[in-house]
Amino acid sequence: MNIGFYTGSFSPFTNGHLHVVQQASKIFDKLYIGIGINKKKKPRYDNYLMKQAIEKVLEKENLLNVSVITYDNLSVDAALEYNANFFVRGIRNGMDYEYEENMASINEEISELDTIYIRAGKLGNISSSLVMELMENGKDVSKYLPKEILELVKSNT
């Protein structure tokens, strides 16, 4: 069984993230979306509420082989705990590739898990941070976020 592990803070989970999940769900028998909890940083949104919102998106999209988990240890340890065979990472541009390739090398050295890169799609130029900046400045971000995530984001601003 091939199991993928797609990690991030997903703060918020964008349509670019969703594109990566949709593509990865076709490759893997099981895909975990791992919301990493950094104890040193306060998240923009409650991680449990974001997890629930992402689960609603997955249900609407009929992505039955995808589950959402939260974890507060190293991504590599969480991936091994869930018996992952591969990390899944979204790539927006060359800068992302350089960063991700460094992380992939370390993760492979520690765990022997390889990384599969998936392009973030048509909205790959949009990051969670950019979406938040646009929203904080009164711009419509509805085309960048799934409806369920937009509802959560709006209820917390």
C-alpha atoms as a PDB file:
ATOM      1  CA  MET A   1       0.000   0.000   0.000  1.00  0.00           C
ATOM      2  CA  ASN A   2       1.395   3.398  -1.010  1.00  0.00           C
ATOM      3  CA  ILE A   3       0.823   6.065   1.629  1.00  0.00           C
ATOM      4  CA  GLY A   4       1.593   9.753   1.102  1.00  0.00           C
ATOM      5  CA  PHE A   5       2.091  12.382   3.793  1.00  0.00           C
ATOM      6  CA  TYR A   6       1.396  16.024   2.835  1.00  0.00           C
ATOM      7  CA  THR A   7       2.500  18.405   5.553  1.00  0.00           C
ATOM      8  CA  GLY A   8       2.097  22.091   6.241  1.00  0.00           C
ATOM      9  CA  SER A   9       0.619  24.684   8.540  1.00  0.00           C
ATOM     10  CA  PHE A  10      -2.268  25.199   6.082  1.00  0.00           C
ATOM     11  CA  SER A  11      -3.003  28.580   7.573  1.00  0.00           C
ATOM     12  CA  PRO A  12      -5.217  28.750   5.617  1.00  0.00           C
ATOM     13  CA  PHE A  13      -5.690  25.762   3.306  1.00  0.00           C
ATOM     14  CA  THR A  14      -5.870  27.220  -0.224  1.00  0.00           C
ATOM     15  CA  ASN A  15      -7.127  25.995  -3.587  1.00  0.00           C
ATOM     16  CA  GLY A  16      -3.459  25.436  -4.461  1.00  0.00           C
ATOM     17  CA  HIS A  17      -3.219  23.018  -1.517  1.00  0.00           C
ATOM     18  CA  LEU A  18      -6.452  21.384  -2.651  1.00  0.00           C
ATOM     19  CA  HIS A  19      -5.035  20.894  -6.156  1.00  0.00           C
ATOM     20  CA  VAL A  20      -1.996  19.116  -4.707  1.00  0.00           C
ATOM     21  CA  VAL A  21      -4.266  16.902  -2.581  1.00  0.00           C
ATOM     22  CA  GLN A  22      -6.486  16.040  -5.553  1.00  0.00           C
ATOM     23  CA  GLN A  23      -3.496  15.011  -7.652  1.00  0.00           C
ATOM     24  CA  ALA A  24      -1.792  13.104  -4.828  1.00  0.00           C
ATOM     25  CA  SER A  25      -5.022  11.245  -4.025  1.00  0.00           C
ATOM     26  CA  LYS A  26      -4.820   9.721  -7.525  1.00  0.00           C
ATOM     27  CA  ILE A  27      -1.280   8.473  -6.901  1.00  0.00           C
ATOM     28  CA  PHE A  28      -1.580   7.072  -3.381  1.00  0.00           C
ATOM     29  CA  ASP A  29      -3.831   4.447  -1.867  1.00  0.00           C
ATOM     30  CA  LYS A  30      -3.964   6.620   1.249  1.00  0.00           C
ATOM     31  CA  LEU A  31      -2.978  10.258   1.725  1.00  0.00           C
ATOM     32  CA  TYR A  32      -2.596  12.032   5.041  1.00  0.00           C
ATOM     33  CA  ILE A  33      -2.753  15.794   5.286  1.00  0.00           C
ATOM     34  CA  GLY A  34      -0.629  16.575   8.323  1.00  0.00           C
ATOM     35  CA  ILE A  35      -1.230  19.925   9.998  1.00  0.00           C
ATOM     36  CA  GLY A  36       2.006  20.647  11.788  1.00  0.00           C
ATOM     37  CA  ILE A  37       1.681  22.362  15.143  1.00  0.00           C
ATOM     38  CA  ASN A  38       4.662  24.511  16.041  1.00  0.00           C
ATOM     39  CA  LYS A  39       4.514  25.062  19.803  1.00  0.00           C
ATOM     40  CA  LYS A  40       6.673  28.169  19.435  1.00  0.00           C
ATOM     41  CA  LYS A  41       4.220  29.917  17.100  1.00  0.00           C
ATOM     42  CA  LYS A  42       0.615  30.895  17.637  1.00  0.00           C
ATOM     43  CA  PRO A  43      -1.426  29.679  14.655  1.00  0.00           C
ATOM     44  CA  ARG A  44      -3.642  32.130  12.733  1.00  0.00           C
ATOM     45  CA  TYR A  45      -6.538  29.719  13.205  1.00  0.00           C
ATOM     46  CA  ASP A  46      -7.379  27.056  15.721  1.00  0.00           C
ATOM     47  CA  ASN A  47      -5.798  23.888  14.294  1.00  0.00           C
ATOM     48  CA  TYR A  48      -8.797  21.762  15.251  1.00  0.00           C
ATOM     49  CA  LEU A  49     -11.182  24.117  13.413  1.00  0.00           C
ATOM     50  CA  MET A  50      -8.912  24.156  10.349  1.00  0.00           C
ATOM     51  CA  LYS A  51      -8.775  20.343  10.452  1.00  0.00           C
ATOM     52  CA  GLN A  52     -12.585  20.194  10.524  1.00  0.00           C
ATOM     53  CA  ALA A  53     -12.889  22.692   7.659  1.00  0.00           C
ATOM     54  CA  ILE A  54     -10.404  20.732   5.519  1.00  0.00           C
ATOM     55  CA  GLU A  55     -12.329  17.526   6.269  1.00  0.00           C
ATOM     56  CA  LYS A  56     -15.504  19.219   4.967  1.00  0.00           C
ATOM     57  CA  VAL A  57     -13.647  20.154   1.763  1.00  0.00           C
ATOM     58  CA  LEU A  58     -12.445  16.564   1.334  1.00  0.00           C
ATOM     59  CA  GLU A  59     -15.968  15.247   1.845  1.00  0.00           C
ATOM     60  CA  LYS A  60     -17.413  17.690  -0.704  1.00  0.00           C
ATOM     61  CA  GLU A  61     -14.680  16.734  -3.197  1.00  0.00           C
ATOM     62  CA  ASN A  62     -15.311  13.016  -2.528  1.00  0.00           C
ATOM     63  CA  LEU A  63     -11.658  12.411  -1.629  1.00  0.00           C
ATOM     64  CA  LEU A  64     -12.322   9.272   0.381  1.00  0.00           C
ATOM     65  CA  ASN A  65      -8.714   8.112   0.605  1.00  0.00           C
ATOM     66  CA  VAL A  66      -7.534  11.339   2.274  1.00  0.00           C
ATOM     67  CA  SER A  67      -7.489  11.975   6.047  1.00  0.00           C
ATOM     68  CA  VAL A  68      -6.417  14.994   8.076  1.00  0.00           C
ATOM     69  CA  ILE A  69      -4.294  14.674  11.192  1.00  0.00           C
ATOM     70  CA  THR A  70      -2.481  17.113  13.464  1.00  0.00           C
ATOM     71  CA  TYR A  71       0.938  16.501  14.951  1.00  0.00           C
ATOM     72  CA  ASP A  72       3.436  18.372  17.104  1.00  0.00           C
ATOM     73  CA  ASN A  73       6.602  16.389  16.501  1.00  0.00           C
ATOM     74  CA  LEU A  74       8.903  16.332  13.481  1.00  0.00           C
ATOM     75  CA  SER A  75       7.137  15.779  10.165  1.00  0.00           C
ATOM     76  CA  VAL A  76       9.419  12.839   9.451  1.00  0.00           C
ATOM     77  CA  ASP A  77       8.430  11.162  12.737  1.00  0.00           C
ATOM     78  CA  ALA A  78       4.723  11.762  12.097  1.00  0.00           C
ATOM     79  CA  ALA A  79       5.062  10.347   8.562  1.00  0.00           C
ATOM     80  CA  LEU A  80       6.711   7.198   9.907  1.00  0.00           C
ATOM     81  CA  GLU A  81       4.052   6.900  12.618  1.00  0.00           C
ATOM     82  CA  TYR A  82       1.396   6.796   9.871  1.00  0.00           C
ATOM     83  CA  ASN A  83       3.445   4.318   7.795  1.00  0.00           C
ATOM     84  CA  ALA A  84       3.964   6.764   4.932  1.00  0.00           C
ATOM     85  CA  ASN A  85       6.083   5.718   1.969  1.00  0.00           C
ATOM     86  CA  PHE A  86       6.514   9.228   0.573  1.00  0.00           C
ATOM     87  CA  PHE A  87       6.291  12.860   1.495  1.00  0.00           C
ATOM     88  CA  VAL A  88       4.135  14.955  -0.822  1.00  0.00           C
ATOM     89  CA  ARG A  89       5.081  18.569  -1.362  1.00  0.00           C
ATOM     90  CA  GLY A  90       3.488  21.262  -3.472  1.00  0.00           C
ATOM     91  CA  ILE A  91       5.753  23.365  -5.653  1.00  0.00           C
ATOM     92  CA  ARG A  92       4.845  26.884  -6.791  1.00  0.00           C
ATOM     93  CA  ASN A  93       8.140  28.054  -8.242  1.00  0.00           C
ATOM     94  CA  GLY A  94      11.901  27.570  -8.349  1.00  0.00           C
ATOM     95  CA  MET A  95      12.370  29.085  -4.907  1.00  0.00           C
ATOM     96  CA  ASP A  96       9.975  26.502  -3.470  1.00  0.00           C
ATOM     97  CA  TYR A  97      11.909  23.755  -5.232  1.00  0.00           C
ATOM     98  CA  GLU A  98      15.230  24.828  -3.708  1.00  0.00           C
ATOM     99  CA  TYR A  99      13.762  24.950  -0.201  1.00  0.00           C
ATOM    100  CA  GLU A 100      11.842  21.688  -0.601  1.00  0.00           C
ATOM    101  CA  GLU A 101      14.827  19.864  -2.077  1.00  0.00           C
ATOM    102  CA  ASN A 102      16.913  20.756   0.989  1.00  0.00           C
ATOM    103  CA  MET A 103      14.172  19.468   3.288  1.00  0.00           C
ATOM    104  CA  ALA A 104      13.725  16.330   1.163  1.00  0.00           C
ATOM    105  CA  SER A 105      17.427  15.529   1.432  1.00  0.00           C
ATOM    106  CA  ILE A 106      17.345  15.785   5.224  1.00  0.00           C
ATOM    107  CA  ASN A 107      14.114  13.802   5.502  1.00  0.00           C
ATOM    108  CA  GLU A 108      15.485  11.062   3.258  1.00  0.00           C
ATOM    109  CA  GLU A 109      18.682  10.876   5.295  1.00  0.00           C
ATOM    110  CA  ILE A 110      16.745  10.589   8.569  1.00  0.00           C
ATOM    111  CA  SER A 111      13.950   8.294   7.454  1.00  0.00           C
ATOM    112  CA  GLU A 112      14.721   6.955   3.968  1.00  0.00           C
ATOM    113  CA  LEU A 113      11.370   8.462   2.860  1.00  0.00           C
ATOM    114  CA  ASP A 114      11.498  10.034  -0.580  1.00  0.00           C
ATOM    115  CA  THR A 115       9.558  13.133  -1.610  1.00  0.00           C
ATOM    116  CA  ILE A 116       7.192  13.569  -4.535  1.00  0.00           C
ATOM    117  CA  TYR A 117       6.642  17.101  -5.813  1.00  0.00           C
ATOM    118  CA  ILE A 118       3.346  18.189  -7.319  1.00  0.00           C
ATOM    119  CA  ARG A 119       2.819  21.518  -9.032  1.00  0.00           C
ATOM    120  CA  ALA A 120       0.317  23.714  -7.194  1.00  0.00           C
ATOM    121  CA  GLY A 121      -1.654  24.272 -10.400  1.00  0.00           C
ATOM    122  CA  LYS A 122      -3.184  27.427 -11.854  1.00  0.00           C
ATOM    123  CA  LEU A 123      -3.223  29.184  -8.484  1.00  0.00           C
ATOM    124  CA  GLY A 124       0.317  28.151  -7.633  1.00  0.00           C
ATOM    125  CA  ASN A 125       1.396  31.771  -7.446  1.00  0.00           C
ATOM    126  CA  ILE A 126      -0.812  32.309  -4.383  1.00  0.00           C
ATOM    127  CA  SER A 127       0.495  31.508  -0.909  1.00  0.00           C
ATOM    128  CA  SER A 128      -1.463  31.355   2.341  1.00  0.00           C
ATOM    129  CA  SER A 129       0.389  34.480   3.488  1.00  0.00           C
ATOM    130  CA  LEU A 130      -0.564  36.375   0.331  1.00  0.00           C
ATOM    131  CA  VAL A 131      -4.205  35.336   0.708  1.00  0.00           C
ATOM    132  CA  MET A 132      -4.194  36.642   4.272  1.00  0.00           C
ATOM    133  CA  GLU A 133      -2.552  39.920   3.229  1.00  0.00           C
ATOM    134  CA  LEU A 134      -5.160  40.423   0.504  1.00  0.00           C
ATOM    135  CA  MET A 135      -7.973  39.644   2.919  1.00  0.00           C
ATOM    136  CA  GLU A 136      -6.585  41.962   5.616  1.00  0.00           C
ATOM    137  CA  ASN A 137      -6.646  44.727   3.009  1.00  0.00           C
ATOM    138  CA  GLY A 138     -10.271  44.171   2.069  1.00  0.00           C
ATOM    139  CA  LYS A 139      -9.762  42.188  -1.144  1.00  0.00           C
ATOM    140  CA  ASP A 140     -11.984  39.322  -2.263  1.00  0.00           C
ATOM    141  CA  VAL A 141     -10.118  36.035  -1.783  1.00  0.00           C
ATOM    142  CA  SER A 142     -12.992  33.679  -2.603  1.00  0.00           C
ATOM    143  CA  LYS A 143     -11.293  32.320  -5.722  1.00  0.00           C
ATOM    144  CA  TYR A 144      -8.219  31.328  -3.708  1.00  0.00           C
ATOM    145  CA  LEU A 145      -9.932  29.380  -0.901  1.00  0.00           C
ATOM    146  CA  PRO A 146     -12.430  26.531  -0.794  1.00  0.00           C
ATOM    147  CA  LYS A 147     -15.819  27.761   0.472  1.00  0.00           C
ATOM    148  CA  GLU A 148     -15.516  25.866   3.774  1.00  0.00           C
ATOM    149  CA  ILE A 149     -12.131  27.437   4.474  1.00  0.00           C
ATOM    150  CA  LEU A 150     -13.322  30.911   3.493  1.00  0.00           C
ATOM    151  CA  GLU A 151     -16.155  30.593   6.023  1.00  0.00           C
ATOM    152  CA  LEU A 152     -13.679  29.707   8.776  1.00  0.00           C
ATOM    153  CA  VAL A 153     -11.292  32.516   7.806  1.00  0.00           C
ATOM    154  CA  LYS A 154     -14.076  35.114   7.711  1.00  0.00           C
ATOM    155  CA  SER A 155     -15.460  34.002  11.062  1.00  0.00           C
ATOM    156  CA  ASN A 156     -12.036  34.591  12.652  1.00  0.00           C
ATOM    157  CA  THR A 157     -11.343  38.114  11.331  1.00  0.00           C
END
